Amino acid sequence: MKQTTRYHVALVYNAGASASPEVPEDTGSTDDLRKMIRRMAHVMRKVGYKVTIVPLANDLLAFQRKLRRLRPDVVFNQYDDVVHGALYEMRVAALVQMMGFPMTGSPALALGLSRYKYMSASLLQGGGVPMAPNTELLERIGDVDRCKWNFPVIVQPSREHAGIGLSRDSVVSTKTKLREKVREILNHYHQPALAQHFLPGREFNVGILGGRKLTVLPLAEVDYTKLPKDIPPIMSYAAKWMEDSVEYQRTSVSCPAHVEPFLAREISSIALRAFRAVGGWGYGRVDIRLDEVGQPRVLEVNCNPSLDESVALARSAEKAGIDYPHLLQQIVKIAMEGPSFDVGVQMI
């Protein structure tokens, strides 16, 4: 499918060093990220775009100068934090917006809200979006004692993404275990812990595509049924990225999910409400899990999900009849629309 307008696309990604040593079996490594970026550039060039890959590490001034020199028609934002607790995704997006360039994906505020998990959960709950109960921000180990817990509880770093900080011991059943996990998060990730009642039901990934008019892509369901009983059914870091782990090998995703029409409509409606509430734009993913009585509840809104080919959002798009080149084209086209109610004033 050829592109009639030859847009110049600046494809931006994080070229900084990871917070932890990388191992070959980790498919979330920097090397895999670079491969994805090269694949994206190749696909966009084939449909007619001029693509310049722009790595960004630690020098924002050099990045600003390069963008000003390139003067792209659109910035394809694939910047993703790689350092624990870093929140530069929103800052990079804000810089691009202040420079006056159209940008793919969500604006800075949405990226920031979705990374501050407790803030996002509080916002959604206040807006009537069903969330996991017993959601608490624990900034000190002693904070465990100020809450009345409904165990089991899942506990994780409050400012991470991509499964970082989620492991086999993240689902706890006693205050002692909860304290131990909070201590680990405070010491290792240097950020507060987020604790929530663990939801035991089915888990769905809801892909969303669009600007002023949002489309829910075919639902995907995470299948944990082949996991051993001693491993909790959660999308941990190992389940997402570590190819040699039991979690990775025995966790699968089916798309489209086999789900009753009424439940599918309810899940889709809740996902759209959550995405709109945080100000999401262009594309995103909302993770939803059913509680003890089958009520869908939002786990997380992801305003910067993976765009790798044939997986995650791209897989759901394929099931909707949108192939990978067309998906990237749509994302660029939506970026040219600009978010609703946004005043584009170049400031730098």
C-alpha atoms as a PDB file:
ATOM      1  CA  MET A   1       0.000   0.000   0.000  1.00  0.00           C
ATOM      2  CA  LYS A   2       1.796   3.127  -1.246  1.00  0.00           C
ATOM      3  CA  GLN A   3       1.687   6.444   0.538  1.00  0.00           C
ATOM      4  CA  THR A   4       0.542   9.323  -1.682  1.00  0.00           C
ATOM      5  CA  THR A   5       1.985  12.012   0.617  1.00  0.00           C
ATOM      6  CA  ARG A   6       5.710  11.565   1.243  1.00  0.00           C
ATOM      7  CA  TYR A   7       5.859  12.574   4.870  1.00  0.00           C
ATOM      8  CA  HIS A   8       9.218  12.883   6.585  1.00  0.00           C
ATOM      9  CA  VAL A   9       8.990  10.821   9.791  1.00  0.00           C
ATOM     10  CA  ALA A  10      11.487  11.177  12.650  1.00  0.00           C
ATOM     11  CA  LEU A  11      11.428   7.821  14.468  1.00  0.00           C
ATOM     12  CA  VAL A  12      12.571   8.521  18.023  1.00  0.00           C
ATOM     13  CA  TYR A  13      13.649   5.840  20.498  1.00  0.00           C
ATOM     14  CA  ASN A  14      15.573   5.599  23.763  1.00  0.00           C
ATOM     15  CA  ALA A  15      19.200   4.731  23.101  1.00  0.00           C
ATOM     16  CA  GLY A  16      20.206   5.021  26.756  1.00  0.00           C
ATOM     17  CA  ALA A  17      21.701   2.216  28.802  1.00  0.00           C
ATOM     18  CA  SER A  18      19.404  -0.184  30.645  1.00  0.00           C
ATOM     19  CA  ALA A  19      19.249  -0.108  34.435  1.00  0.00           C
ATOM     20  CA  SER A  20      20.236  -3.785  34.723  1.00  0.00           C
ATOM     21  CA  PRO A  21      22.710  -6.073  32.955  1.00  0.00           C
ATOM     22  CA  GLU A  22      21.033  -7.671  29.932  1.00  0.00           C
ATOM     23  CA  VAL A  23      20.994 -11.378  29.147  1.00  0.00           C
ATOM     24  CA  PRO A  24      20.505 -13.044  25.733  1.00  0.00           C
ATOM     25  CA  GLU A  25      17.185 -14.699  26.640  1.00  0.00           C
ATOM     26  CA  ASP A  26      15.617 -11.316  27.564  1.00  0.00           C
ATOM     27  CA  THR A  27      13.464 -10.250  24.608  1.00  0.00           C
ATOM     28  CA  GLY A  28      12.922  -6.878  26.263  1.00  0.00           C
ATOM     29  CA  SER A  29      16.601  -5.975  25.838  1.00  0.00           C
ATOM     30  CA  THR A  30      18.036  -2.880  24.171  1.00  0.00           C
ATOM     31  CA  ASP A  31      19.186  -5.008  21.230  1.00  0.00           C
ATOM     32  CA  ASP A  32      15.633  -6.236  20.632  1.00  0.00           C
ATOM     33  CA  LEU A  33      14.375  -2.655  20.827  1.00  0.00           C
ATOM     34  CA  ARG A  34      16.815  -1.576  18.116  1.00  0.00           C
ATOM     35  CA  LYS A  35      15.697  -4.468  15.930  1.00  0.00           C
ATOM     36  CA  MET A  36      12.071  -3.392  16.336  1.00  0.00           C
ATOM     37  CA  ILE A  37      12.934   0.210  15.435  1.00  0.00           C
ATOM     38  CA  ARG A  38      14.756  -0.927  12.289  1.00  0.00           C
ATOM     39  CA  ARG A  39      11.757  -3.095  11.300  1.00  0.00           C
ATOM     40  CA  MET A  40       9.391  -0.161  11.781  1.00  0.00           C
ATOM     41  CA  ALA A  41      11.600   2.126   9.703  1.00  0.00           C
ATOM     42  CA  HIS A  42      11.832  -0.488   6.939  1.00  0.00           C
ATOM     43  CA  VAL A  43       8.047  -0.932   6.790  1.00  0.00           C
ATOM     44  CA  MET A  44       7.362   2.813   6.745  1.00  0.00           C
ATOM     45  CA  ARG A  45       9.900   3.373   3.972  1.00  0.00           C
ATOM     46  CA  LYS A  46       8.244   0.658   1.904  1.00  0.00           C
ATOM     47  CA  VAL A  47       4.898   2.480   2.041  1.00  0.00           C
ATOM     48  CA  GLY A  48       6.507   5.718   0.903  1.00  0.00           C
ATOM     49  CA  TYR A  49       7.594   7.654   3.979  1.00  0.00           C
ATOM     50  CA  LYS A  50      11.012   9.223   4.343  1.00  0.00           C
ATOM     51  CA  VAL A  51      12.204   7.933   7.738  1.00  0.00           C
ATOM     52  CA  THR A  52      15.063   9.230   9.855  1.00  0.00           C
ATOM     53  CA  ILE A  53      15.861   7.195  12.968  1.00  0.00           C
ATOM     54  CA  VAL A  54      16.673   9.537  15.870  1.00  0.00           C
ATOM     55  CA  PRO A  55      18.251   7.859  18.912  1.00  0.00           C
ATOM     56  CA  LEU A  56      17.946   9.803  22.169  1.00  0.00           C
ATOM     57  CA  ALA A  57      20.149   8.987  25.127  1.00  0.00           C
ATOM     58  CA  ASN A  58      21.029  11.704  27.631  1.00  0.00           C
ATOM     59  CA  ASP A  59      21.458  14.893  25.588  1.00  0.00           C
ATOM     60  CA  LEU A  60      18.109  16.648  25.159  1.00  0.00           C
ATOM     61  CA  LEU A  61      19.767  19.772  23.741  1.00  0.00           C
ATOM     62  CA  ALA A  62      21.412  17.738  20.960  1.00  0.00           C
ATOM     63  CA  PHE A  63      18.073  16.016  20.331  1.00  0.00           C
ATOM     64  CA  GLN A  64      16.333  19.390  20.088  1.00  0.00           C
ATOM     65  CA  ARG A  65      18.951  20.691  17.650  1.00  0.00           C
ATOM     66  CA  LYS A  66      18.650  17.584  15.486  1.00  0.00           C
ATOM     67  CA  LEU A  67      14.856  17.808  15.297  1.00  0.00           C
ATOM     68  CA  ARG A  68      15.069  21.489  14.400  1.00  0.00           C
ATOM     69  CA  ARG A  69      17.551  20.654  11.656  1.00  0.00           C
ATOM     70  CA  LEU A  70      15.484  17.739  10.305  1.00  0.00           C
ATOM     71  CA  ARG A  71      12.145  19.575  10.511  1.00  0.00           C
ATOM     72  CA  PRO A  72      10.106  16.347  10.156  1.00  0.00           C
ATOM     73  CA  ASP A  73       6.418  16.358   9.245  1.00  0.00           C
ATOM     74  CA  VAL A  74       5.733  14.075  12.205  1.00  0.00           C
ATOM     75  CA  VAL A  75       7.672  12.597  15.129  1.00  0.00           C
ATOM     76  CA  PHE A  76       6.962   8.889  15.580  1.00  0.00           C
ATOM     77  CA  ASN A  77       7.433   8.611  19.319  1.00  0.00           C
ATOM     78  CA  GLN A  78       8.885   5.293  20.474  1.00  0.00           C
ATOM     79  CA  TYR A  79      10.767   6.710  23.439  1.00  0.00           C
ATOM     80  CA  ASP A  80      10.464   4.357  26.407  1.00  0.00           C
ATOM     81  CA  ASP A  81      12.180   4.710  29.783  1.00  0.00           C
ATOM     82  CA  VAL A  82      14.809   2.058  30.544  1.00  0.00           C
ATOM     83  CA  VAL A  83      15.990   3.252  33.974  1.00  0.00           C
ATOM     84  CA  HIS A  84      13.989   2.222  37.068  1.00  0.00           C
ATOM     85  CA  GLY A  85      11.766   5.011  38.270  1.00  0.00           C
ATOM     86  CA  ALA A  86      12.614   7.334  35.369  1.00  0.00           C
ATOM     87  CA  LEU A  87       9.695   9.354  34.050  1.00  0.00           C
ATOM     88  CA  TYR A  88      11.219  10.891  30.937  1.00  0.00           C
ATOM     89  CA  GLU A  89       8.603   9.532  28.528  1.00  0.00           C
ATOM     90  CA  MET A  90       6.323  12.428  29.380  1.00  0.00           C
ATOM     91  CA  ARG A  91       9.163  14.961  29.239  1.00  0.00           C
ATOM     92  CA  VAL A  92      10.296  13.907  25.775  1.00  0.00           C
ATOM     93  CA  ALA A  93       6.710  14.101  24.534  1.00  0.00           C
ATOM     94  CA  ALA A  94       6.327  17.547  26.110  1.00  0.00           C
ATOM     95  CA  LEU A  95       9.526  18.759  24.426  1.00  0.00           C
ATOM     96  CA  VAL A  96       8.347  17.565  21.004  1.00  0.00           C
ATOM     97  CA  GLN A  97       4.990  19.243  21.531  1.00  0.00           C
ATOM     98  CA  MET A  98       6.629  22.492  22.653  1.00  0.00           C
ATOM     99  CA  MET A  99       8.730  22.444  19.474  1.00  0.00           C
ATOM    100  CA  GLY A 100       5.510  22.366  17.457  1.00  0.00           C
ATOM    101  CA  PHE A 101       5.879  18.982  15.744  1.00  0.00           C
ATOM    102  CA  PRO A 102       2.936  16.580  15.333  1.00  0.00           C
ATOM    103  CA  MET A 103       3.657  13.443  17.370  1.00  0.00           C
ATOM    104  CA  THR A 104       2.277   9.911  17.308  1.00  0.00           C
ATOM    105  CA  GLY A 105       0.587   8.460  20.336  1.00  0.00           C
ATOM    106  CA  SER A 106      -0.538  10.088  23.545  1.00  0.00           C
ATOM    107  CA  PRO A 107       0.472  13.546  24.754  1.00  0.00           C
ATOM    108  CA  ALA A 108       2.750  14.135  27.721  1.00  0.00           C
ATOM    109  CA  LEU A 109       0.027  14.355  30.358  1.00  0.00           C
ATOM    110  CA  ALA A 110      -1.482  10.993  29.421  1.00  0.00           C
ATOM    111  CA  LEU A 111       1.949   9.345  29.394  1.00  0.00           C
ATOM    112  CA  GLY A 112       2.696  10.759  32.830  1.00  0.00           C
ATOM    113  CA  LEU A 113      -0.654   9.807  34.346  1.00  0.00           C
ATOM    114  CA  SER A 114      -0.447   6.231  33.096  1.00  0.00           C
ATOM    115  CA  ARG A 115       3.072   5.787  34.506  1.00  0.00           C
ATOM    116  CA  TYR A 116       2.086   7.089  37.978  1.00  0.00           C
ATOM    117  CA  LYS A 117       0.035   3.971  38.664  1.00  0.00           C
ATOM    118  CA  TYR A 118      -1.534   5.148  41.917  1.00  0.00           C
ATOM    119  CA  MET A 119      -2.451   8.537  40.493  1.00  0.00           C
ATOM    120  CA  SER A 120      -3.980   6.876  37.444  1.00  0.00           C
ATOM    121  CA  ALA A 121      -5.914   4.372  39.577  1.00  0.00           C
ATOM    122  CA  SER A 122      -7.229   7.158  41.816  1.00  0.00           C
ATOM    123  CA  LEU A 123      -8.298   9.230  38.815  1.00  0.00           C
ATOM    124  CA  LEU A 124     -10.110   6.321  37.189  1.00  0.00           C
ATOM    125  CA  GLN A 125     -11.796   5.225  40.403  1.00  0.00           C
ATOM    126  CA  GLY A 126     -12.958   8.786  41.020  1.00  0.00           C
ATOM    127  CA  GLY A 127     -14.396   8.836  37.508  1.00  0.00           C
ATOM    128  CA  GLY A 128     -16.449   5.710  38.130  1.00  0.00           C
ATOM    129  CA  VAL A 129     -14.215   3.278  36.234  1.00  0.00           C
ATOM    130  CA  PRO A 130     -14.136  -0.070  38.107  1.00  0.00           C
ATOM    131  CA  MET A 131     -10.665  -0.716  39.534  1.00  0.00           C
ATOM    132  CA  ALA A 132      -9.100  -3.361  41.766  1.00  0.00           C
ATOM    133  CA  PRO A 133     -10.210  -2.726  45.380  1.00  0.00           C
ATOM    134  CA  ASN A 134      -7.793  -2.144  48.250  1.00  0.00           C
ATOM    135  CA  THR A 135      -5.501  -0.023  46.045  1.00  0.00           C
ATOM    136  CA  GLU A 136      -2.869   1.640  48.240  1.00  0.00           C
ATOM    137  CA  LEU A 137       0.392   3.545  47.767  1.00  0.00           C
ATOM    138  CA  LEU A 138       3.011   2.374  50.280  1.00  0.00           C
ATOM    139  CA  GLU A 139       5.869   4.845  50.681  1.00  0.00           C
ATOM    140  CA  ARG A 140       7.260   3.234  53.834  1.00  0.00           C
ATOM    141  CA  ILE A 141       7.221  -0.277  55.241  1.00  0.00           C
ATOM    142  CA  GLY A 142       5.156   0.996  58.172  1.00  0.00           C
ATOM    143  CA  ASP A 143       2.381   2.019  55.771  1.00  0.00           C
ATOM    144  CA  VAL A 144       1.401  -1.660  55.577  1.00  0.00           C
ATOM    145  CA  ASP A 145      -0.031  -1.414  59.109  1.00  0.00           C
ATOM    146  CA  ARG A 146      -2.337   1.542  58.401  1.00  0.00           C
ATOM    147  CA  CYS A 147      -4.475  -0.442  55.946  1.00  0.00           C
ATOM    148  CA  LYS A 148      -6.968  -3.247  56.336  1.00  0.00           C
ATOM    149  CA  TRP A 149      -6.047  -5.808  53.691  1.00  0.00           C
ATOM    150  CA  ASN A 150      -8.191  -8.235  51.741  1.00  0.00           C
ATOM    151  CA  PHE A 151      -5.671 -10.947  50.852  1.00  0.00           C
ATOM    152  CA  PRO A 152      -4.324 -12.090  48.469  1.00  0.00           C
ATOM    153  CA  VAL A 153      -2.675  -8.821  47.471  1.00  0.00           C
ATOM    154  CA  ILE A 154      -0.488  -8.083  44.454  1.00  0.00           C
ATOM    155  CA  VAL A 155       2.325  -5.613  45.084  1.00  0.00           C
ATOM    156  CA  GLN A 156       4.606  -3.955  42.526  1.00  0.00           C
ATOM    157  CA  PRO A 157       6.672  -0.807  41.908  1.00  0.00           C
ATOM    158  CA  SER A 158       4.334   2.159  41.433  1.00  0.00           C
ATOM    159  CA  ARG A 159       6.153   3.794  38.500  1.00  0.00           C
ATOM    160  CA  GLU A 160       7.271   0.916  36.293  1.00  0.00           C
ATOM    161  CA  HIS A 161       5.852  -0.711  33.184  1.00  0.00           C
ATOM    162  CA  ALA A 162       6.396  -3.792  30.984  1.00  0.00           C
ATOM    163  CA  GLY A 163       6.146  -6.139  33.958  1.00  0.00           C
ATOM    164  CA  ILE A 164       9.212  -4.683  35.681  1.00  0.00           C
ATOM    165  CA  GLY A 165       9.153  -5.601  39.366  1.00  0.00           C
ATOM    166  CA  LEU A 166       6.485  -8.288  38.982  1.00  0.00           C
ATOM    167  CA  SER A 167       7.721 -11.764  39.889  1.00  0.00           C
ATOM    168  CA  ARG A 168       6.639 -15.045  41.490  1.00  0.00           C
ATOM    169  CA  ASP A 169       6.581 -13.494  44.964  1.00  0.00           C
ATOM    170  CA  SER A 170       4.516 -10.433  43.960  1.00  0.00           C
ATOM    171  CA  VAL A 171       1.226 -12.018  45.073  1.00  0.00           C
ATOM    172  CA  VAL A 172       1.229 -12.228  48.873  1.00  0.00           C
ATOM    173  CA  SER A 173      -1.171 -13.645  51.441  1.00  0.00           C
ATOM    174  CA  THR A 174       0.129 -12.233  54.732  1.00  0.00           C
ATOM    175  CA  LYS A 175       1.240  -8.895  56.135  1.00  0.00           C
ATOM    176  CA  THR A 176       4.707 -10.326  56.732  1.00  0.00           C
ATOM    177  CA  LYS A 177       5.142 -11.202  53.063  1.00  0.00           C
ATOM    178  CA  LEU A 178       3.697  -7.841  52.061  1.00  0.00           C
ATOM    179  CA  ARG A 179       6.216  -6.014  54.232  1.00  0.00           C
ATOM    180  CA  GLU A 180       9.057  -8.047  52.710  1.00  0.00           C
ATOM    181  CA  LYS A 181       7.962  -7.164  49.182  1.00  0.00           C
ATOM    182  CA  VAL A 182       7.509  -3.479  50.005  1.00  0.00           C
ATOM    183  CA  ARG A 183      11.010  -3.417  51.535  1.00  0.00           C
ATOM    184  CA  GLU A 184      12.432  -4.986  48.361  1.00  0.00           C
ATOM    185  CA  ILE A 185      10.711  -2.441  46.095  1.00  0.00           C
ATOM    186  CA  LEU A 186      11.788   0.538  48.210  1.00  0.00           C
ATOM    187  CA  ASN A 187      15.403  -0.654  48.317  1.00  0.00           C
ATOM    188  CA  HIS A 188      15.800  -1.917  44.750  1.00  0.00           C
ATOM    189  CA  TYR A 189      13.551   0.340  42.693  1.00  0.00           C
ATOM    190  CA  HIS A 190      13.757   3.468  44.878  1.00  0.00           C
ATOM    191  CA  GLN A 191      10.068   4.264  44.564  1.00  0.00           C
ATOM    192  CA  PRO A 192       6.840   3.592  46.476  1.00  0.00           C
ATOM    193  CA  ALA A 193       5.057   0.258  46.145  1.00  0.00           C
ATOM    194  CA  LEU A 194       1.559  -0.133  44.766  1.00  0.00           C
ATOM    195  CA  ALA A 195      -0.583  -2.778  46.489  1.00  0.00           C
ATOM    196  CA  GLN A 196      -4.012  -3.972  45.304  1.00  0.00           C
ATOM    197  CA  HIS A 197      -6.381  -6.814  45.993  1.00  0.00           C
ATOM    198  CA  PHE A 198      -5.457  -9.635  43.609  1.00  0.00           C
ATOM    199  CA  LEU A 199      -8.216 -10.327  41.101  1.00  0.00           C
ATOM    200  CA  PRO A 200      -8.635 -14.074  40.388  1.00  0.00           C
ATOM    201  CA  GLY A 201     -10.563 -13.988  37.096  1.00  0.00           C
ATOM    202  CA  ARG A 202      -9.809 -13.948  33.363  1.00  0.00           C
ATOM    203  CA  GLU A 203      -7.419 -11.321  32.002  1.00  0.00           C
ATOM    204  CA  PHE A 204      -7.875  -9.338  28.780  1.00  0.00           C
ATOM    205  CA  ASN A 205      -5.711  -6.963  26.747  1.00  0.00           C
ATOM    206  CA  VAL A 206      -7.838  -4.344  25.008  1.00  0.00           C
ATOM    207  CA  GLY A 207      -6.149  -2.630  22.065  1.00  0.00           C
ATOM    208  CA  ILE A 208      -7.425   0.834  21.120  1.00  0.00           C
ATOM    209  CA  LEU A 209      -6.750   2.734  17.892  1.00  0.00           C
ATOM    210  CA  GLY A 210      -7.934   6.173  16.827  1.00  0.00           C
ATOM    211  CA  GLY A 211      -8.032   9.888  17.474  1.00  0.00           C
ATOM    212  CA  ARG A 212     -11.316  11.725  17.704  1.00  0.00           C
ATOM    213  CA  LYS A 213     -13.059   8.426  16.939  1.00  0.00           C
ATOM    214  CA  LEU A 214     -11.690   5.487  18.920  1.00  0.00           C
ATOM    215  CA  THR A 215     -11.923   1.860  17.818  1.00  0.00           C
ATOM    216  CA  VAL A 216     -11.605  -1.138  20.126  1.00  0.00           C
ATOM    217  CA  LEU A 217      -9.600  -3.871  18.406  1.00  0.00           C
ATOM    218  CA  PRO A 218     -10.451  -7.576  18.859  1.00  0.00           C
ATOM    219  CA  LEU A 219      -9.920  -8.573  22.486  1.00  0.00           C
ATOM    220  CA  ALA A 220      -6.931 -10.707  23.459  1.00  0.00           C
ATOM    221  CA  GLU A 221      -7.037 -13.032  26.477  1.00  0.00           C
ATOM    222  CA  VAL A 222      -4.043 -14.143  28.534  1.00  0.00           C
ATOM    223  CA  ASP A 223      -4.071 -17.890  29.250  1.00  0.00           C
ATOM    224  CA  TYR A 224      -2.355 -18.910  32.500  1.00  0.00           C
ATOM    225  CA  THR A 225      -3.925 -22.379  32.780  1.00  0.00           C
ATOM    226  CA  LYS A 226      -0.686 -24.237  31.972  1.00  0.00           C
ATOM    227  CA  LEU A 227       1.314 -22.569  34.741  1.00  0.00           C
ATOM    228  CA  PRO A 228       2.307 -24.720  37.741  1.00  0.00           C
ATOM    229  CA  LYS A 229       0.180 -24.079  40.827  1.00  0.00           C
ATOM    230  CA  ASP A 230       3.085 -22.499  42.705  1.00  0.00           C
ATOM    231  CA  ILE A 231       3.494 -19.714  40.114  1.00  0.00           C
ATOM    232  CA  PRO A 232       0.874 -16.948  40.344  1.00  0.00           C
ATOM    233  CA  PRO A 233      -1.110 -16.245  37.153  1.00  0.00           C
ATOM    234  CA  ILE A 234       0.215 -12.753  36.452  1.00  0.00           C
ATOM    235  CA  MET A 235       1.944 -11.064  33.523  1.00  0.00           C
ATOM    236  CA  SER A 236       5.301 -10.853  35.265  1.00  0.00           C
ATOM    237  CA  TYR A 237       8.539  -9.667  33.689  1.00  0.00           C
ATOM    238  CA  ALA A 238       9.541 -13.281  33.103  1.00  0.00           C
ATOM    239  CA  ALA A 239       6.213 -14.074  31.417  1.00  0.00           C
ATOM    240  CA  LYS A 240       6.628 -11.103  29.095  1.00  0.00           C
ATOM    241  CA  TRP A 241      10.300 -11.252  28.198  1.00  0.00           C
ATOM    242  CA  MET A 242      12.399 -14.175  29.547  1.00  0.00           C
ATOM    243  CA  GLU A 243      12.263 -16.874  26.867  1.00  0.00           C
ATOM    244  CA  ASP A 244      13.823 -19.623  28.992  1.00  0.00           C
ATOM    245  CA  SER A 245      11.459 -19.164  31.954  1.00  0.00           C
ATOM    246  CA  VAL A 246       8.512 -21.386  32.847  1.00  0.00           C
ATOM    247  CA  GLU A 247       6.300 -18.285  32.925  1.00  0.00           C
ATOM    248  CA  TYR A 248       7.183 -17.320  29.331  1.00  0.00           C
ATOM    249  CA  GLN A 249       6.859 -20.837  27.952  1.00  0.00           C
ATOM    250  CA  ARG A 250       3.540 -21.651  29.660  1.00  0.00           C
ATOM    251  CA  THR A 251       1.746 -18.325  29.316  1.00  0.00           C
ATOM    252  CA  SER A 252      -0.028 -17.693  26.033  1.00  0.00           C
ATOM    253  CA  VAL A 253      -2.343 -15.113  24.491  1.00  0.00           C
ATOM    254  CA  SER A 254      -5.355 -15.933  22.327  1.00  0.00           C
ATOM    255  CA  CYS A 255      -6.718 -13.330  19.920  1.00  0.00           C
ATOM    256  CA  PRO A 256      -9.532 -12.907  19.241  1.00  0.00           C
ATOM    257  CA  ALA A 257     -10.622 -13.996  22.709  1.00  0.00           C
ATOM    258  CA  HIS A 258     -13.614 -16.312  23.047  1.00  0.00           C
ATOM    259  CA  VAL A 259     -15.893 -14.190  25.191  1.00  0.00           C
ATOM    260  CA  GLU A 260     -19.638 -13.740  25.507  1.00  0.00           C
ATOM    261  CA  PRO A 261     -20.971 -10.736  23.535  1.00  0.00           C
ATOM    262  CA  PHE A 262     -22.383  -8.978  26.606  1.00  0.00           C
ATOM    263  CA  LEU A 263     -19.079  -9.306  28.489  1.00  0.00           C
ATOM    264  CA  ALA A 264     -17.108  -8.190  25.422  1.00  0.00           C
ATOM    265  CA  ARG A 265     -19.230  -5.040  25.151  1.00  0.00           C
ATOM    266  CA  GLU A 266     -18.765  -4.286  28.858  1.00  0.00           C
ATOM    267  CA  ILE A 267     -15.003  -4.799  28.675  1.00  0.00           C
ATOM    268  CA  SER A 268     -14.754  -2.585  25.574  1.00  0.00           C
ATOM    269  CA  SER A 269     -16.853   0.174  27.145  1.00  0.00           C
ATOM    270  CA  ILE A 270     -14.773   0.211  30.330  1.00  0.00           C
ATOM    271  CA  ALA A 271     -11.525   0.257  28.339  1.00  0.00           C
ATOM    272  CA  LEU A 272     -12.650   3.250  26.276  1.00  0.00           C
ATOM    273  CA  ARG A 273     -13.723   5.153  29.384  1.00  0.00           C
ATOM    274  CA  ALA A 274     -10.352   4.491  31.029  1.00  0.00           C
ATOM    275  CA  PHE A 275      -8.331   5.488  27.942  1.00  0.00           C
ATOM    276  CA  ARG A 276     -10.301   8.712  27.508  1.00  0.00           C
ATOM    277  CA  ALA A 277     -10.071   9.527  31.224  1.00  0.00           C
ATOM    278  CA  VAL A 278      -6.263   9.676  31.187  1.00  0.00           C
ATOM    279  CA  GLY A 279      -6.243  11.605  27.905  1.00  0.00           C
ATOM    280  CA  GLY A 280      -4.999   8.768  25.686  1.00  0.00           C
ATOM    281  CA  TRP A 281      -4.679   9.446  21.965  1.00  0.00           C
ATOM    282  CA  GLY A 282      -3.728   7.567  18.797  1.00  0.00           C
ATOM    283  CA  TYR A 283      -3.253   4.070  20.148  1.00  0.00           C
ATOM    284  CA  GLY A 284      -3.021   2.311  23.472  1.00  0.00           C
ATOM    285  CA  ARG A 285      -3.871  -0.771  25.491  1.00  0.00           C
ATOM    286  CA  VAL A 286      -6.018  -1.251  28.562  1.00  0.00           C
ATOM    287  CA  ASP A 287      -5.477  -4.365  30.677  1.00  0.00           C
ATOM    288  CA  ILE A 288      -8.608  -5.674  32.371  1.00  0.00           C
ATOM    289  CA  ARG A 289      -9.205  -8.563  34.746  1.00  0.00           C
ATOM    290  CA  LEU A 290     -12.394 -10.071  36.134  1.00  0.00           C
ATOM    291  CA  ASP A 291     -12.992 -10.118  39.885  1.00  0.00           C
ATOM    292  CA  GLU A 292     -14.564 -12.871  42.007  1.00  0.00           C
ATOM    293  CA  VAL A 293     -18.063 -12.215  40.611  1.00  0.00           C
ATOM    294  CA  GLY A 294     -17.044 -11.677  36.989  1.00  0.00           C
ATOM    295  CA  GLN A 295     -16.986  -7.845  37.060  1.00  0.00           C
ATOM    296  CA  PRO A 296     -14.353  -6.396  34.689  1.00  0.00           C
ATOM    297  CA  ARG A 297     -11.871  -4.152  36.492  1.00  0.00           C
ATOM    298  CA  VAL A 298      -9.030  -2.108  34.995  1.00  0.00           C
ATOM    299  CA  LEU A 299      -5.524  -3.184  35.920  1.00  0.00           C
ATOM    300  CA  GLU A 300      -3.641  -0.583  33.910  1.00  0.00           C
ATOM    301  CA  VAL A 301      -3.882   1.889  31.044  1.00  0.00           C
ATOM    302  CA  ASN A 302      -0.829   1.708  28.783  1.00  0.00           C
ATOM    303  CA  CYS A 303      -0.470   4.786  26.574  1.00  0.00           C
ATOM    304  CA  ASN A 304       2.815   3.621  25.072  1.00  0.00           C
ATOM    305  CA  PRO A 305       2.411  -0.118  24.325  1.00  0.00           C
ATOM    306  CA  SER A 306       4.732  -2.120  22.101  1.00  0.00           C
ATOM    307  CA  LEU A 307       4.245  -1.669  18.356  1.00  0.00           C
ATOM    308  CA  ASP A 308       6.349  -4.656  17.357  1.00  0.00           C
ATOM    309  CA  GLU A 309       5.059  -6.625  14.396  1.00  0.00           C
ATOM    310  CA  SER A 310       2.662  -9.578  14.890  1.00  0.00           C
ATOM    311  CA  VAL A 311       2.405  -9.225  18.681  1.00  0.00           C
ATOM    312  CA  ALA A 312       0.386  -7.217  21.197  1.00  0.00           C
ATOM    313  CA  LEU A 313      -1.395  -4.273  19.548  1.00  0.00           C
ATOM    314  CA  ALA A 314      -0.287  -5.265  16.021  1.00  0.00           C
ATOM    315  CA  ARG A 315      -1.694  -8.768  16.530  1.00  0.00           C
ATOM    316  CA  SER A 316      -5.093  -7.370  17.533  1.00  0.00           C
ATOM    317  CA  ALA A 317      -5.014  -4.991  14.568  1.00  0.00           C
ATOM    318  CA  GLU A 318      -4.325  -7.895  12.205  1.00  0.00           C
ATOM    319  CA  LYS A 319      -7.428  -9.664  13.527  1.00  0.00           C
ATOM    320  CA  ALA A 320      -9.375  -6.501  12.656  1.00  0.00           C
ATOM    321  CA  GLY A 321      -8.056  -6.632   9.081  1.00  0.00           C
ATOM    322  CA  ILE A 322      -5.387  -3.952   9.598  1.00  0.00           C
ATOM    323  CA  ASP A 323      -1.995  -5.249   8.475  1.00  0.00           C
ATOM    324  CA  TYR A 324       1.212  -3.907  10.011  1.00  0.00           C
ATOM    325  CA  PRO A 325       2.080  -1.318   7.310  1.00  0.00           C
ATOM    326  CA  HIS A 326      -1.483  -0.003   7.399  1.00  0.00           C
ATOM    327  CA  LEU A 327      -1.389   0.163  11.212  1.00  0.00           C
ATOM    328  CA  LEU A 328       1.724   2.370  11.173  1.00  0.00           C
ATOM    329  CA  GLN A 329       0.147   4.536   8.471  1.00  0.00           C
ATOM    330  CA  GLN A 330      -2.995   4.994  10.533  1.00  0.00           C
ATOM    331  CA  ILE A 331      -0.952   5.988  13.576  1.00  0.00           C
ATOM    332  CA  VAL A 332       0.875   8.640  11.528  1.00  0.00           C
ATOM    333  CA  LYS A 333      -2.393   9.904  10.033  1.00  0.00           C
ATOM    334  CA  ILE A 334      -3.972  10.207  13.504  1.00  0.00           C
ATOM    335  CA  ALA A 335      -0.902  12.145  14.695  1.00  0.00           C
ATOM    336  CA  MET A 336      -1.467  14.692  11.933  1.00  0.00           C
ATOM    337  CA  GLU A 337      -4.998  15.299  13.280  1.00  0.00           C
ATOM    338  CA  GLY A 338      -3.636  16.332  16.672  1.00  0.00           C
ATOM    339  CA  PRO A 339      -5.353  15.562  20.005  1.00  0.00           C
ATOM    340  CA  SER A 340      -8.820  17.022  20.579  1.00  0.00           C
ATOM    341  CA  PHE A 341      -9.013  20.326  22.449  1.00  0.00           C
ATOM    342  CA  ASP A 342      -5.247  20.775  22.206  1.00  0.00           C
ATOM    343  CA  VAL A 343      -3.787  24.159  21.311  1.00  0.00           C
ATOM    344  CA  GLY A 344      -0.579  23.648  19.359  1.00  0.00           C
ATOM    345  CA  VAL A 345       1.622  26.606  20.298  1.00  0.00           C
ATOM    346  CA  GLN A 346       5.305  26.334  19.431  1.00  0.00           C
ATOM    347  CA  MET A 347       7.270  27.518  22.446  1.00  0.00           C
ATOM    348  CA  ILE A 348      10.893  26.550  21.764  1.00  0.00           C
END
